Amino acid sequence: MAFSDETIGKAWLRAGGRCERCGRELVLKNRGREGLGAWEAHHKDDNENNDPLINCQILCWPCHSATF
């Protein structure tokens, strides 16, 4: 499963458009892409079936890639 658009939107607002791990500035339209301001919604507990807001973390692409 994946986070709902509503959950991702709330997480984005909470993060203030910045990576919640390193603070890098992100670009809303660059979700799931590579390059400047790229980001992804990450499951903090690595359980892709656990989709509440508390488990959603907005990470820049480098920080998200480091979780693999």
C-alpha atoms as a PDB file:
ATOM      1  CA  MET A   1       0.000   0.000   0.000  1.00  0.00           C
ATOM      2  CA  ALA A   2       0.930   3.630  -0.215  1.00  0.00           C
ATOM      3  CA  PHE A   3       0.119   6.721   1.766  1.00  0.00           C
ATOM      4  CA  SER A   4      -3.047   8.515   0.707  1.00  0.00           C
ATOM      5  CA  ASP A   5      -2.760  11.904  -0.981  1.00  0.00           C
ATOM      6  CA  GLU A   6      -4.338  13.398   2.149  1.00  0.00           C
ATOM      7  CA  THR A   7      -1.678  11.870   4.423  1.00  0.00           C
ATOM      8  CA  ILE A   8       1.149  13.003   2.150  1.00  0.00           C
ATOM      9  CA  GLY A   9      -0.331  16.509   1.994  1.00  0.00           C
ATOM     10  CA  LYS A  10      -0.500  16.736   5.775  1.00  0.00           C
ATOM     11  CA  ALA A  11       3.045  15.390   6.115  1.00  0.00           C
ATOM     12  CA  TRP A  12       4.266  17.921   3.519  1.00  0.00           C
ATOM     13  CA  LEU A  13       2.682  20.776   5.476  1.00  0.00           C
ATOM     14  CA  ARG A  14       4.159  19.478   8.738  1.00  0.00           C
ATOM     15  CA  ALA A  15       7.608  19.312   7.103  1.00  0.00           C
ATOM     16  CA  GLY A  16       7.291  22.855   5.752  1.00  0.00           C
ATOM     17  CA  GLY A  17       8.698  21.809   2.369  1.00  0.00           C
ATOM     18  CA  ARG A  18      11.913  20.512   3.914  1.00  0.00           C
ATOM     19  CA  CYS A  19      13.439  17.081   4.428  1.00  0.00           C
ATOM     20  CA  GLU A  20      12.510  15.886   7.889  1.00  0.00           C
ATOM     21  CA  ARG A  21      15.925  14.275   8.311  1.00  0.00           C
ATOM     22  CA  CYS A  22      18.470  16.804   6.971  1.00  0.00           C
ATOM     23  CA  GLY A  23      16.409  19.971   6.435  1.00  0.00           C
ATOM     24  CA  ARG A  24      17.129  20.282   2.701  1.00  0.00           C
ATOM     25  CA  GLU A  25      14.615  22.433   0.803  1.00  0.00           C
ATOM     26  CA  LEU A  26      12.254  20.407  -1.400  1.00  0.00           C
ATOM     27  CA  VAL A  27      10.057  21.115  -4.435  1.00  0.00           C
ATOM     28  CA  LEU A  28       6.449  19.875  -4.162  1.00  0.00           C
ATOM     29  CA  LYS A  29       6.196  18.804  -7.811  1.00  0.00           C
ATOM     30  CA  ASN A  30       9.440  16.785  -7.608  1.00  0.00           C
ATOM     31  CA  ARG A  31       8.067  13.856  -5.601  1.00  0.00           C
ATOM     32  CA  GLY A  32       9.514  10.555  -6.793  1.00  0.00           C
ATOM     33  CA  ARG A  33      11.970  12.199  -9.154  1.00  0.00           C
ATOM     34  CA  GLU A  34      15.688  12.709  -9.095  1.00  0.00           C
ATOM     35  CA  GLY A  35      17.403  16.072  -9.056  1.00  0.00           C
ATOM     36  CA  LEU A  36      17.107  19.356  -7.212  1.00  0.00           C
ATOM     37  CA  GLY A  37      14.382  19.330  -4.566  1.00  0.00           C
ATOM     38  CA  ALA A  38      13.416  15.698  -5.196  1.00  0.00           C
ATOM     39  CA  TRP A  39      11.711  13.879  -2.341  1.00  0.00           C
ATOM     40  CA  GLU A  40       9.598  10.891  -1.313  1.00  0.00           C
ATOM     41  CA  ALA A  41       7.145   9.991   1.426  1.00  0.00           C
ATOM     42  CA  HIS A  42       8.855   7.354   3.575  1.00  0.00           C
ATOM     43  CA  HIS A  43       7.399   4.779   5.979  1.00  0.00           C
ATOM     44  CA  LYS A  44       9.370   5.402   9.194  1.00  0.00           C
ATOM     45  CA  ASP A  45       8.956   1.806  10.336  1.00  0.00           C
ATOM     46  CA  ASP A  46       9.616   0.360   6.824  1.00  0.00           C
ATOM     47  CA  ASN A  47       6.180  -1.332   6.931  1.00  0.00           C
ATOM     48  CA  GLU A  48       4.451  -0.313   3.688  1.00  0.00           C
ATOM     49  CA  ASN A  49       1.102  -1.437   5.122  1.00  0.00           C
ATOM     50  CA  ASN A  50       1.308   0.989   8.062  1.00  0.00           C
ATOM     51  CA  ASP A  51      -0.041   4.202   6.522  1.00  0.00           C
ATOM     52  CA  PRO A  52      -1.105   6.674   9.253  1.00  0.00           C
ATOM     53  CA  LEU A  53       0.347  10.195   9.269  1.00  0.00           C
ATOM     54  CA  ILE A  54       2.547   9.437  12.280  1.00  0.00           C
ATOM     55  CA  ASN A  55       4.438   6.871  10.158  1.00  0.00           C
ATOM     56  CA  CYS A  56       4.873   9.194   7.150  1.00  0.00           C
ATOM     57  CA  GLN A  57       8.147  11.078   6.861  1.00  0.00           C
ATOM     58  CA  ILE A  58       9.046  13.503   4.052  1.00  0.00           C
ATOM     59  CA  LEU A  59      12.625  12.827   2.944  1.00  0.00           C
ATOM     60  CA  CYS A  60      14.819  14.325   0.236  1.00  0.00           C
ATOM     61  CA  TRP A  61      15.944  11.850  -2.388  1.00  0.00           C
ATOM     62  CA  PRO A  62      19.447  11.343  -0.879  1.00  0.00           C
ATOM     63  CA  CYS A  63      18.019  10.687   2.615  1.00  0.00           C
ATOM     64  CA  HIS A  64      15.319   8.401   1.217  1.00  0.00           C
ATOM     65  CA  SER A  65      17.893   6.464  -0.839  1.00  0.00           C
ATOM     66  CA  ALA A  66      19.961   5.937   2.321  1.00  0.00           C
ATOM     67  CA  THR A  67      17.029   4.004   3.865  1.00  0.00           C
ATOM     68  CA  PHE A  68      17.245   1.162   1.307  1.00  0.00           C
END
